[in-house]
Amino acid sequence: MDTSPGQITPVRKYNKLAIVSFILAFVILVLVIYLFFRINLGFDPGPLTTILVEIVKFGTIPFGLASLLTGIIALRQIHSGNQKGAWMADIGAILGVLEIVGGFLILVYSLH
């Protein structure tokens, strides 16, 4: 890329869907880790813990699916344009798949 002194190089911005994918995946991951340690360390499960368990039980699959889809769309946009954030889209998509699988396991386990 030839840049002459008077030429301005375009600034590469982060893809917004990559950011959304990463945040969606990260939120559920943090909730699952928090609940795992809170329940396994013997803390008294209060009403907040009960609410968070229900959110994880029924929200993991939709959040994982949303994270996976936005990550895939973001990767396509990043590779076809001049944008950054492929690592966020990758992590969001990978965690999305893991959350979908984990969500099914949580649902199956909680129904028995």
PDB file of N, CA and C in Angstrom:
ATOM      1  N   MET A   1       0.842  -1.162   0.000  1.00  0.00           N
ATOM      2  CA  MET A   1       0.000   0.000   0.000  1.00  0.00           C
ATOM      3  C   MET A   1       0.892   1.232   0.000  1.00  0.00           C
ATOM      4  N   ASP A   2       0.798   2.033  -1.021  1.00  0.00           N
ATOM      5  CA  ASP A   2       1.614   3.227  -1.156  1.00  0.00           C
ATOM      6  C   ASP A   2       0.912   4.401  -0.491  1.00  0.00           C
ATOM      7  N   THR A   3       1.602   5.010   0.455  1.00  0.00           N
ATOM      8  CA  THR A   3       1.020   6.184   1.124  1.00  0.00           C
ATOM      9  C   THR A   3       1.916   7.376   0.856  1.00  0.00           C
ATOM     10  N   SER A   4       1.396   8.303   0.133  1.00  0.00           N
ATOM     11  CA  SER A   4       2.128   9.531  -0.121  1.00  0.00           C
ATOM     12  C   SER A   4       1.871  10.487   1.043  1.00  0.00           C
ATOM     13  N   PRO A   5       2.685  11.518   1.200  1.00  0.00           N
ATOM     14  CA  PRO A   5       2.548  12.411   2.354  1.00  0.00           C
ATOM     15  C   PRO A   5       1.163  13.050   2.504  1.00  0.00           C
ATOM     16  N   GLY A   6       0.456  13.315   1.428  1.00  0.00           N
ATOM     17  CA  GLY A   6      -0.849  13.956   1.509  1.00  0.00           C
ATOM     18  C   GLY A   6      -2.013  12.988   1.622  1.00  0.00           C
ATOM     19  N   GLN A   7      -1.730  11.688   1.560  1.00  0.00           N
ATOM     20  CA  GLN A   7      -2.794  10.683   1.556  1.00  0.00           C
ATOM     21  C   GLN A   7      -3.080  10.217   2.985  1.00  0.00           C
ATOM     22  N   ILE A   8      -4.357  10.105   3.304  1.00  0.00           N
ATOM     23  CA  ILE A   8      -4.778   9.657   4.631  1.00  0.00           C
ATOM     24  C   ILE A   8      -5.164   8.186   4.538  1.00  0.00           C
ATOM     25  N   THR A   9      -4.610   7.402   5.429  1.00  0.00           N
ATOM     26  CA  THR A   9      -4.968   5.982   5.440  1.00  0.00           C
ATOM     27  C   THR A   9      -6.253   5.803   6.242  1.00  0.00           C
ATOM     28  N   PRO A  10      -7.165   4.956   5.768  1.00  0.00           N
ATOM     29  CA  PRO A  10      -8.426   4.772   6.472  1.00  0.00           C
ATOM     30  C   PRO A  10      -8.208   4.036   7.798  1.00  0.00           C
ATOM     31  N   VAL A  11      -8.975   4.419   8.774  1.00  0.00           N
ATOM     32  CA  VAL A  11      -8.899   3.798  10.093  1.00  0.00           C
ATOM     33  C   VAL A  11      -9.792   2.567  10.091  1.00  0.00           C
ATOM     34  N   ARG A  12      -9.213   1.448  10.498  1.00  0.00           N
ATOM     35  CA  ARG A  12      -9.997   0.208  10.593  1.00  0.00           C
ATOM     36  C   ARG A  12     -10.741   0.202  11.916  1.00  0.00           C
ATOM     37  N   LYS A  13     -12.045   0.050  11.850  1.00  0.00           N
ATOM     38  CA  LYS A  13     -12.871   0.036  13.049  1.00  0.00           C
ATOM     39  C   LYS A  13     -13.261  -1.393  13.391  1.00  0.00           C
ATOM     40  N   TYR A  14     -13.598  -1.588  14.665  1.00  0.00           N
ATOM     41  CA  TYR A  14     -14.056  -2.907  15.098  1.00  0.00           C
ATOM     42  C   TYR A  14     -15.465  -3.171  14.574  1.00  0.00           C
ATOM     43  N   ASN A  15     -15.690  -4.391  14.156  1.00  0.00           N
ATOM     44  CA  ASN A  15     -17.005  -4.800  13.688  1.00  0.00           C
ATOM     45  C   ASN A  15     -17.947  -4.875  14.893  1.00  0.00           C
ATOM     46  N   LYS A  16     -19.098  -4.239  14.779  1.00  0.00           N
ATOM     47  CA  LYS A  16     -20.045  -4.180  15.902  1.00  0.00           C
ATOM     48  C   LYS A  16     -20.630  -5.540  16.243  1.00  0.00           C
ATOM     49  N   LEU A  17     -20.876  -6.373  15.240  1.00  0.00           N
ATOM     50  CA  LEU A  17     -21.415  -7.702  15.515  1.00  0.00           C
ATOM     51  C   LEU A  17     -20.395  -8.592  16.211  1.00  0.00           C
ATOM     52  N   ALA A  18     -19.113  -8.376  15.947  1.00  0.00           N
ATOM     53  CA  ALA A  18     -18.076  -9.131  16.647  1.00  0.00           C
ATOM     54  C   ALA A  18     -18.090  -8.779  18.128  1.00  0.00           C
ATOM     55  N   ILE A  19     -18.275  -7.500  18.425  1.00  0.00           N
ATOM     56  CA  ILE A  19     -18.354  -7.057  19.817  1.00  0.00           C
ATOM     57  C   ILE A  19     -19.584  -7.659  20.491  1.00  0.00           C
ATOM     58  N   VAL A  20     -20.721  -7.645  19.799  1.00  0.00           N
ATOM     59  CA  VAL A  20     -21.957  -8.217  20.351  1.00  0.00           C
ATOM     60  C   VAL A  20     -21.789  -9.710  20.599  1.00  0.00           C
ATOM     61  N   SER A  21     -21.198 -10.421  19.663  1.00  0.00           N
ATOM     62  CA  SER A  21     -20.979 -11.860  19.806  1.00  0.00           C
ATOM     63  C   SER A  21     -20.120 -12.158  21.025  1.00  0.00           C
ATOM     64  N   PHE A  22     -19.049 -11.412  21.182  1.00  0.00           N
ATOM     65  CA  PHE A  22     -18.137 -11.610  22.310  1.00  0.00           C
ATOM     66  C   PHE A  22     -18.833 -11.329  23.636  1.00  0.00           C
ATOM     67  N   ILE A  23     -19.586 -10.240  23.709  1.00  0.00           N
ATOM     68  CA  ILE A  23     -20.266  -9.876  24.961  1.00  0.00           C
ATOM     69  C   ILE A  23     -21.345 -10.898  25.322  1.00  0.00           C
ATOM     70  N   LEU A  24     -22.136 -11.318  24.349  1.00  0.00           N
ATOM     71  CA  LEU A  24     -23.178 -12.321  24.627  1.00  0.00           C
ATOM     72  C   LEU A  24     -22.571 -13.606  25.178  1.00  0.00           C
ATOM     73  N   ALA A  25     -21.506 -14.065  24.559  1.00  0.00           N
ATOM     74  CA  ALA A  25     -20.864 -15.302  25.014  1.00  0.00           C
ATOM     75  C   ALA A  25     -20.239 -15.115  26.382  1.00  0.00           C
ATOM     76  N   PHE A  26     -19.645 -13.969  26.603  1.00  0.00           N
ATOM     77  CA  PHE A  26     -18.946 -13.701  27.859  1.00  0.00           C
ATOM     78  C   PHE A  26     -19.912 -13.592  29.037  1.00  0.00           C
ATOM     79  N   VAL A  27     -21.073 -13.001  28.826  1.00  0.00           N
ATOM     80  CA  VAL A  27     -22.060 -12.826  29.911  1.00  0.00           C
ATOM     81  C   VAL A  27     -22.498 -14.177  30.455  1.00  0.00           C
ATOM     82  N   ILE A  28     -22.880 -15.084  29.591  1.00  0.00           N
ATOM     83  CA  ILE A  28     -23.332 -16.401  30.050  1.00  0.00           C
ATOM     84  C   ILE A  28     -22.179 -17.169  30.676  1.00  0.00           C
ATOM     85  N   LEU A  29     -20.987 -17.067  30.103  1.00  0.00           N
ATOM     86  CA  LEU A  29     -19.834 -17.753  30.669  1.00  0.00           C
ATOM     87  C   LEU A  29     -19.557 -17.283  32.093  1.00  0.00           C
ATOM     88  N   VAL A  30     -19.607 -15.998  32.317  1.00  0.00           N
ATOM     89  CA  VAL A  30     -19.386 -15.452  33.668  1.00  0.00           C
ATOM     90  C   VAL A  30     -20.479 -15.931  34.619  1.00  0.00           C
ATOM     91  N   LEU A  31     -21.734 -15.936  34.181  1.00  0.00           N
ATOM     92  CA  LEU A  31     -22.824 -16.417  35.036  1.00  0.00           C
ATOM     93  C   LEU A  31     -22.653 -17.884  35.409  1.00  0.00           C
ATOM     94  N   VAL A  32     -22.274 -18.700  34.457  1.00  0.00           N
ATOM     95  CA  VAL A  32     -22.086 -20.132  34.723  1.00  0.00           C
ATOM     96  C   VAL A  32     -20.941 -20.341  35.710  1.00  0.00           C
ATOM     97  N   ILE A  33     -19.835 -19.654  35.516  1.00  0.00           N
ATOM     98  CA  ILE A  33     -18.695 -19.792  36.422  1.00  0.00           C
ATOM     99  C   ILE A  33     -19.070 -19.297  37.818  1.00  0.00           C
ATOM    100  N   TYR A  34     -19.748 -18.174  37.907  1.00  0.00           N
ATOM    101  CA  TYR A  34     -20.179 -17.631  39.196  1.00  0.00           C
ATOM    102  C   TYR A  34     -21.080 -18.620  39.932  1.00  0.00           C
ATOM    103  N   LEU A  35     -22.075 -19.150  39.226  1.00  0.00           N
ATOM    104  CA  LEU A  35     -23.002 -20.090  39.866  1.00  0.00           C
ATOM    105  C   LEU A  35     -22.309 -21.388  40.251  1.00  0.00           C
ATOM    106  N   PHE A  36     -21.391 -21.854  39.421  1.00  0.00           N
ATOM    107  CA  PHE A  36     -20.668 -23.085  39.735  1.00  0.00           C
ATOM    108  C   PHE A  36     -19.930 -22.947  41.063  1.00  0.00           C
ATOM    109  N   PHE A  37     -19.188 -21.858  41.221  1.00  0.00           N
ATOM    110  CA  PHE A  37     -18.443 -21.674  42.456  1.00  0.00           C
ATOM    111  C   PHE A  37     -19.352 -21.338  43.632  1.00  0.00           C
ATOM    112  N   ARG A  38     -20.392 -20.576  43.393  1.00  0.00           N
ATOM    113  CA  ARG A  38     -21.305 -20.201  44.486  1.00  0.00           C
ATOM    114  C   ARG A  38     -22.016 -21.435  45.034  1.00  0.00           C
ATOM    115  N   ILE A  39     -22.475 -22.299  44.160  1.00  0.00           N
ATOM    116  CA  ILE A  39     -23.215 -23.480  44.607  1.00  0.00           C
ATOM    117  C   ILE A  39     -22.265 -24.529  45.187  1.00  0.00           C
ATOM    118  N   ASN A  40     -21.117 -24.739  44.550  1.00  0.00           N
ATOM    119  CA  ASN A  40     -20.202 -25.787  45.007  1.00  0.00           C
ATOM    120  C   ASN A  40     -19.398 -25.414  46.242  1.00  0.00           C
ATOM    121  N   LEU A  41     -19.314 -24.146  46.572  1.00  0.00           N
ATOM    122  CA  LEU A  41     -18.598 -23.746  47.784  1.00  0.00           C
ATOM    123  C   LEU A  41     -19.510 -23.701  49.002  1.00  0.00           C
ATOM    124  N   GLY A  42     -20.774 -24.054  48.821  1.00  0.00           N
ATOM    125  CA  GLY A  42     -21.680 -24.187  49.949  1.00  0.00           C
ATOM    126  C   GLY A  42     -22.335 -22.904  50.426  1.00  0.00           C
ATOM    127  N   PHE A  43     -22.360 -21.881  49.596  1.00  0.00           N
ATOM    128  CA  PHE A  43     -23.060 -20.657  49.991  1.00  0.00           C
ATOM    129  C   PHE A  43     -24.557 -20.911  50.038  1.00  0.00           C
ATOM    130  N   ASP A  44     -25.223 -20.195  50.906  1.00  0.00           N
ATOM    131  CA  ASP A  44     -26.669 -20.329  51.030  1.00  0.00           C
ATOM    132  C   ASP A  44     -27.317 -19.796  49.760  1.00  0.00           C
ATOM    133  N   PRO A  45     -28.033 -20.653  49.022  1.00  0.00           N
ATOM    134  CA  PRO A  45     -28.672 -20.170  47.796  1.00  0.00           C
ATOM    135  C   PRO A  45     -29.862 -19.272  48.109  1.00  0.00           C
ATOM    136  N   GLY A  46     -29.687 -18.008  47.862  1.00  0.00           N
ATOM    137  CA  GLY A  46     -30.758 -17.051  48.100  1.00  0.00           C
ATOM    138  C   GLY A  46     -31.604 -16.859  46.863  1.00  0.00           C
ATOM    139  N   PRO A  47     -32.487 -15.880  46.903  1.00  0.00           N
ATOM    140  CA  PRO A  47     -33.367 -15.638  45.748  1.00  0.00           C
ATOM    141  C   PRO A  47     -32.595 -15.206  44.497  1.00  0.00           C
ATOM    142  N   LEU A  48     -31.496 -14.477  44.672  1.00  0.00           N
ATOM    143  CA  LEU A  48     -30.708 -14.062  43.505  1.00  0.00           C
ATOM    144  C   LEU A  48     -30.096 -15.269  42.806  1.00  0.00           C
ATOM    145  N   THR A  49     -29.586 -16.212  43.593  1.00  0.00           N
ATOM    146  CA  THR A  49     -29.007 -17.417  43.017  1.00  0.00           C
ATOM    147  C   THR A  49     -30.060 -18.219  42.272  1.00  0.00           C
ATOM    148  N   THR A  50     -31.264 -18.304  42.830  1.00  0.00           N
ATOM    149  CA  THR A  50     -32.351 -19.032  42.174  1.00  0.00           C
ATOM    150  C   THR A  50     -32.707 -18.390  40.837  1.00  0.00           C
ATOM    151  N   ILE A  51     -32.760 -17.079  40.812  1.00  0.00           N
ATOM    152  CA  ILE A  51     -33.068 -16.357  39.565  1.00  0.00           C
ATOM    153  C   ILE A  51     -31.960 -16.584  38.537  1.00  0.00           C
ATOM    154  N   LEU A  52     -30.700 -16.508  38.982  1.00  0.00           N
ATOM    155  CA  LEU A  52     -29.587 -16.705  38.051  1.00  0.00           C
ATOM    156  C   LEU A  52     -29.542 -18.131  37.513  1.00  0.00           C
ATOM    157  N   VAL A  53     -29.898 -19.104  38.350  1.00  0.00           N
ATOM    158  CA  VAL A  53     -29.950 -20.491  37.878  1.00  0.00           C
ATOM    159  C   VAL A  53     -30.989 -20.636  36.772  1.00  0.00           C
ATOM    160  N   GLU A  54     -32.148 -20.015  36.942  1.00  0.00           N
ATOM    161  CA  GLU A  54     -33.187 -20.087  35.908  1.00  0.00           C
ATOM    162  C   GLU A  54     -32.745 -19.373  34.625  1.00  0.00           C
ATOM    163  N   ILE A  55     -32.057 -18.252  34.770  1.00  0.00           N
ATOM    164  CA  ILE A  55     -31.555 -17.541  33.591  1.00  0.00           C
ATOM    165  C   ILE A  55     -30.555 -18.408  32.844  1.00  0.00           C
ATOM    166  N   VAL A  56     -29.652 -19.058  33.583  1.00  0.00           N
ATOM    167  CA  VAL A  56     -28.667 -19.924  32.937  1.00  0.00           C
ATOM    168  C   VAL A  56     -29.349 -21.132  32.321  1.00  0.00           C
ATOM    169  N   LYS A  57     -30.327 -21.701  33.040  1.00  0.00           N
ATOM    170  CA  LYS A  57     -30.993 -22.908  32.546  1.00  0.00           C
ATOM    171  C   LYS A  57     -31.713 -22.659  31.222  1.00  0.00           C
ATOM    172  N   PHE A  58     -32.433 -21.545  31.144  1.00  0.00           N
ATOM    173  CA  PHE A  58     -33.229 -21.295  29.941  1.00  0.00           C
ATOM    174  C   PHE A  58     -32.633 -20.234  29.015  1.00  0.00           C
ATOM    175  N   GLY A  59     -31.550 -19.575  29.423  1.00  0.00           N
ATOM    176  CA  GLY A  59     -30.960 -18.532  28.598  1.00  0.00           C
ATOM    177  C   GLY A  59     -29.678 -18.926  27.905  1.00  0.00           C
ATOM    178  N   THR A  60     -29.097 -20.052  28.318  1.00  0.00           N
ATOM    179  CA  THR A  60     -27.816 -20.445  27.738  1.00  0.00           C
ATOM    180  C   THR A  60     -27.935 -20.770  26.258  1.00  0.00           C
ATOM    181  N   ILE A  61     -28.964 -21.503  25.876  1.00  0.00           N
ATOM    182  CA  ILE A  61     -29.123 -21.874  24.459  1.00  0.00           C
ATOM    183  C   ILE A  61     -29.416 -20.652  23.589  1.00  0.00           C
ATOM    184  N   PRO A  62     -30.377 -19.781  23.954  1.00  0.00           N
ATOM    185  CA  PRO A  62     -30.591 -18.596  23.104  1.00  0.00           C
ATOM    186  C   PRO A  62     -29.381 -17.666  23.040  1.00  0.00           C
ATOM    187  N   PHE A  63     -28.708 -17.459  24.188  1.00  0.00           N
ATOM    188  CA  PHE A  63     -27.517 -16.606  24.172  1.00  0.00           C
ATOM    189  C   PHE A  63     -26.414 -17.243  23.331  1.00  0.00           C
ATOM    190  N   GLY A  64     -26.240 -18.563  23.464  1.00  0.00           N
ATOM    191  CA  GLY A  64     -25.232 -19.259  22.671  1.00  0.00           C
ATOM    192  C   GLY A  64     -25.527 -19.199  21.187  1.00  0.00           C
ATOM    193  N   LEU A  65     -26.794 -19.383  20.830  1.00  0.00           N
ATOM    194  CA  LEU A  65     -27.193 -19.318  19.425  1.00  0.00           C
ATOM    195  C   LEU A  65     -26.983 -17.909  18.869  1.00  0.00           C
ATOM    196  N   ALA A  66     -27.366 -16.901  19.636  1.00  0.00           N
ATOM    197  CA  ALA A  66     -27.169 -15.516  19.197  1.00  0.00           C
ATOM    198  C   ALA A  66     -25.681 -15.196  19.058  1.00  0.00           C
ATOM    199  N   SER A  67     -24.884 -15.680  19.993  1.00  0.00           N
ATOM    200  CA  SER A  67     -23.445 -15.449  19.931  1.00  0.00           C
ATOM    201  C   SER A  67     -22.824 -16.140  18.718  1.00  0.00           C
ATOM    202  N   LEU A  68     -23.245 -17.371  18.454  1.00  0.00           N
ATOM    203  CA  LEU A  68     -22.736 -18.105  17.302  1.00  0.00           C
ATOM    204  C   LEU A  68     -23.101 -17.411  15.991  1.00  0.00           C
ATOM    205  N   LEU A  69     -24.369 -17.043  15.844  1.00  0.00           N
ATOM    206  CA  LEU A  69     -24.820 -16.421  14.590  1.00  0.00           C
ATOM    207  C   LEU A  69     -24.178 -15.058  14.361  1.00  0.00           C
ATOM    208  N   THR A  70     -24.129 -14.219  15.405  1.00  0.00           N
ATOM    209  CA  THR A  70     -23.506 -12.903  15.225  1.00  0.00           C
ATOM    210  C   THR A  70     -22.012 -13.035  14.973  1.00  0.00           C
ATOM    211  N   GLY A  71     -21.372 -14.054  15.562  1.00  0.00           N
ATOM    212  CA  GLY A  71     -19.953 -14.283  15.300  1.00  0.00           C
ATOM    213  C   GLY A  71     -19.694 -14.685  13.861  1.00  0.00           C
ATOM    214  N   ILE A  72     -20.531 -15.565  13.326  1.00  0.00           N
ATOM    215  CA  ILE A  72     -20.364 -15.993  11.929  1.00  0.00           C
ATOM    216  C   ILE A  72     -20.606 -14.833  10.971  1.00  0.00           C
ATOM    217  N   ILE A  73     -21.665 -14.080  11.213  1.00  0.00           N
ATOM    218  CA  ILE A  73     -21.958 -12.920  10.346  1.00  0.00           C
ATOM    219  C   ILE A  73     -20.827 -11.898  10.430  1.00  0.00           C
ATOM    220  N   ALA A  74     -20.323 -11.669  11.634  1.00  0.00           N
ATOM    221  CA  ALA A  74     -19.228 -10.705  11.812  1.00  0.00           C
ATOM    222  C   ALA A  74     -17.975 -11.159  11.073  1.00  0.00           C
ATOM    223  N   LEU A  75     -17.669 -12.441  11.139  1.00  0.00           N
ATOM    224  CA  LEU A  75     -16.485 -12.938  10.424  1.00  0.00           C
ATOM    225  C   LEU A  75     -16.610 -12.734   8.918  1.00  0.00           C
ATOM    226  N   ARG A  76     -17.795 -12.972   8.388  1.00  0.00           N
ATOM    227  CA  ARG A  76     -18.004 -12.728   6.947  1.00  0.00           C
ATOM    228  C   ARG A  76     -17.822 -11.250   6.606  1.00  0.00           C
ATOM    229  N   GLN A  77     -18.358 -10.371   7.455  1.00  0.00           N
ATOM    230  CA  GLN A  77     -18.214  -8.937   7.207  1.00  0.00           C
ATOM    231  C   GLN A  77     -16.759  -8.494   7.338  1.00  0.00           C
ATOM    232  N   ILE A  78     -16.056  -9.034   8.313  1.00  0.00           N
ATOM    233  CA  ILE A  78     -14.661  -8.649   8.534  1.00  0.00           C
ATOM    234  C   ILE A  78     -13.791  -9.083   7.362  1.00  0.00           C
ATOM    235  N   HIS A  79     -14.006 -10.300   6.878  1.00  0.00           N
ATOM    236  CA  HIS A  79     -13.183 -10.797   5.779  1.00  0.00           C
ATOM    237  C   HIS A  79     -13.512 -10.139   4.445  1.00  0.00           C
ATOM    238  N   SER A  80     -14.694  -9.562   4.321  1.00  0.00           N
ATOM    239  CA  SER A  80     -15.037  -8.912   3.062  1.00  0.00           C
ATOM    240  C   SER A  80     -14.805  -7.405   3.094  1.00  0.00           C
ATOM    241  N   GLY A  81     -14.497  -6.859   4.255  1.00  0.00           N
ATOM    242  CA  GLY A  81     -14.307  -5.415   4.362  1.00  0.00           C
ATOM    243  C   GLY A  81     -13.033  -5.080   5.111  1.00  0.00           C
ATOM    244  N   ASN A  82     -12.903  -3.833   5.445  1.00  0.00           N
ATOM    245  CA  ASN A  82     -11.717  -3.329   6.126  1.00  0.00           C
ATOM    246  C   ASN A  82     -12.053  -3.088   7.596  1.00  0.00           C
ATOM    247  N   GLN A  83     -12.270  -4.175   8.339  1.00  0.00           N
ATOM    248  CA  GLN A  83     -12.647  -4.056   9.741  1.00  0.00           C
ATOM    249  C   GLN A  83     -11.776  -4.950  10.608  1.00  0.00           C
ATOM    250  N   LYS A  84     -11.765  -4.644  11.903  1.00  0.00           N
ATOM    251  CA  LYS A  84     -11.030  -5.439  12.882  1.00  0.00           C
ATOM    252  C   LYS A  84     -12.034  -6.205  13.742  1.00  0.00           C
ATOM    253  N   GLY A  85     -11.519  -7.112  14.565  1.00  0.00           N
ATOM    254  CA  GLY A  85     -12.357  -7.811  15.525  1.00  0.00           C
ATOM    255  C   GLY A  85     -12.581  -9.275  15.229  1.00  0.00           C
ATOM    256  N   ALA A  86     -11.762  -9.848  14.353  1.00  0.00           N
ATOM    257  CA  ALA A  86     -11.951 -11.260  14.019  1.00  0.00           C
ATOM    258  C   ALA A  86     -11.767 -12.145  15.249  1.00  0.00           C
ATOM    259  N   TRP A  87     -10.855 -11.761  16.144  1.00  0.00           N
ATOM    260  CA  TRP A  87     -10.638 -12.569  17.346  1.00  0.00           C
ATOM    261  C   TRP A  87     -11.873 -12.575  18.238  1.00  0.00           C
ATOM    262  N   MET A  88     -12.584 -11.443  18.317  1.00  0.00           N
ATOM    263  CA  MET A  88     -13.806 -11.400  19.134  1.00  0.00           C
ATOM    264  C   MET A  88     -14.899 -12.256  18.504  1.00  0.00           C
ATOM    265  N   ALA A  89     -15.011 -12.198  17.188  1.00  0.00           N
ATOM    266  CA  ALA A  89     -16.010 -13.006  16.490  1.00  0.00           C
ATOM    267  C   ALA A  89     -15.686 -14.489  16.630  1.00  0.00           C
ATOM    268  N   ASP A  90     -14.406 -14.841  16.537  1.00  0.00           N
ATOM    269  CA  ASP A  90     -13.991 -16.241  16.713  1.00  0.00           C
ATOM    270  C   ASP A  90     -14.336 -16.750  18.106  1.00  0.00           C
ATOM    271  N   ILE A  91     -13.950 -15.984  19.120  1.00  0.00           N
ATOM    272  CA  ILE A  91     -14.227 -16.394  20.500  1.00  0.00           C
ATOM    273  C   ILE A  91     -15.726 -16.459  20.750  1.00  0.00           C
ATOM    274  N   GLY A  92     -16.476 -15.487  20.253  1.00  0.00           N
ATOM    275  CA  GLY A  92     -17.927 -15.494  20.417  1.00  0.00           C
ATOM    276  C   GLY A  92     -18.575 -16.700  19.774  1.00  0.00           C
ATOM    277  N   ALA A  93     -18.123 -17.048  18.570  1.00  0.00           N
ATOM    278  CA  ALA A  93     -18.705 -18.206  17.870  1.00  0.00           C
ATOM    279  C   ALA A  93     -18.342 -19.516  18.567  1.00  0.00           C
ATOM    280  N   ILE A  94     -17.091 -19.647  18.987  1.00  0.00           N
ATOM    281  CA  ILE A  94     -16.665 -20.875  19.662  1.00  0.00           C
ATOM    282  C   ILE A  94     -17.385 -21.034  20.995  1.00  0.00           C
ATOM    283  N   LEU A  95     -17.427 -19.969  21.787  1.00  0.00           N
ATOM    284  CA  LEU A  95     -18.150 -20.046  23.061  1.00  0.00           C
ATOM    285  C   LEU A  95     -19.645 -20.255  22.834  1.00  0.00           C
ATOM    286  N   GLY A  96     -20.170 -19.712  21.737  1.00  0.00           N
ATOM    287  CA  GLY A  96     -21.577 -19.924  21.410  1.00  0.00           C
ATOM    288  C   GLY A  96     -21.897 -21.393  21.199  1.00  0.00           C
ATOM    289  N   VAL A  97     -21.022 -22.090  20.477  1.00  0.00           N
ATOM    290  CA  VAL A  97     -21.220 -23.530  20.264  1.00  0.00           C
ATOM    291  C   VAL A  97     -21.150 -24.276  21.599  1.00  0.00           C
ATOM    292  N   LEU A  98     -20.150 -23.939  22.414  1.00  0.00           N
ATOM    293  CA  LEU A  98     -20.011 -24.597  23.713  1.00  0.00           C
ATOM    294  C   LEU A  98     -21.208 -24.311  24.622  1.00  0.00           C
ATOM    295  N   GLU A  99     -21.741 -23.107  24.538  1.00  0.00           N
ATOM    296  CA  GLU A  99     -22.897 -22.762  25.365  1.00  0.00           C
ATOM    297  C   GLU A  99     -24.163 -23.468  24.895  1.00  0.00           C
ATOM    298  N   ILE A 100     -24.306 -23.662  23.603  1.00  0.00           N
ATOM    299  CA  ILE A 100     -25.463 -24.413  23.094  1.00  0.00           C
ATOM    300  C   ILE A 100     -25.413 -25.850  23.594  1.00  0.00           C
ATOM    301  N   VAL A 101     -24.243 -26.474  23.454  1.00  0.00           N
ATOM    302  CA  VAL A 101     -24.087 -27.856  23.934  1.00  0.00           C
ATOM    303  C   VAL A 101     -24.289 -27.913  25.449  1.00  0.00           C
ATOM    304  N   GLY A 102     -23.655 -26.987  26.168  1.00  0.00           N
ATOM    305  CA  GLY A 102     -23.814 -26.941  27.619  1.00  0.00           C
ATOM    306  C   GLY A 102     -25.247 -26.667  28.035  1.00  0.00           C
ATOM    307  N   GLY A 103     -25.932 -25.829  27.288  1.00  0.00           N
ATOM    308  CA  GLY A 103     -27.338 -25.530  27.590  1.00  0.00           C
ATOM    309  C   GLY A 103     -28.218 -26.753  27.466  1.00  0.00           C
ATOM    310  N   PHE A 104     -27.979 -27.548  26.422  1.00  0.00           N
ATOM    311  CA  PHE A 104     -28.738 -28.795  26.284  1.00  0.00           C
ATOM    312  C   PHE A 104     -28.437 -29.747  27.430  1.00  0.00           C
ATOM    313  N   LEU A 105     -27.181 -29.831  27.828  1.00  0.00           N
ATOM    314  CA  LEU A 105     -26.820 -30.699  28.948  1.00  0.00           C
ATOM    315  C   LEU A 105     -27.460 -30.216  30.251  1.00  0.00           C
ATOM    316  N   ILE A 106     -27.480 -28.922  30.461  1.00  0.00           N
ATOM    317  CA  ILE A 106     -28.110 -28.352  31.659  1.00  0.00           C
ATOM    318  C   ILE A 106     -29.595 -28.661  31.665  1.00  0.00           C
ATOM    319  N   LEU A 107     -30.257 -28.481  30.528  1.00  0.00           N
ATOM    320  CA  LEU A 107     -31.691 -28.766  30.448  1.00  0.00           C
ATOM    321  C   LEU A 107     -31.996 -30.240  30.686  1.00  0.00           C
ATOM    322  N   VAL A 108     -31.215 -31.123  30.061  1.00  0.00           N
ATOM    323  CA  VAL A 108     -31.444 -32.552  30.241  1.00  0.00           C
ATOM    324  C   VAL A 108     -31.216 -32.946  31.703  1.00  0.00           C
ATOM    325  N   TYR A 109     -30.165 -32.423  32.301  1.00  0.00           N
ATOM    326  CA  TYR A 109     -29.849 -32.740  33.691  1.00  0.00           C
ATOM    327  C   TYR A 109     -30.926 -32.199  34.635  1.00  0.00           C
ATOM    328  N   SER A 110     -31.425 -30.995  34.352  1.00  0.00           N
ATOM    329  CA  SER A 110     -32.412 -30.386  35.253  1.00  0.00           C
ATOM    330  C   SER A 110     -33.799 -31.007  35.108  1.00  0.00           C
ATOM    331  N   LEU A 111     -34.078 -31.665  34.007  1.00  0.00           N
ATOM    332  CA  LEU A 111     -35.389 -32.286  33.816  1.00  0.00           C
ATOM    333  C   LEU A 111     -35.482 -33.670  34.455  1.00  0.00           C
ATOM    334  N   HIS A 112     -34.365 -34.254  34.830  1.00  0.00           N
ATOM    335  CA  HIS A 112     -34.392 -35.579  35.465  1.00  0.00           C
ATOM    336  C   HIS A 112     -34.421 -35.487  36.948  1.00  0.00           C
TER     337      HIS A 112
END
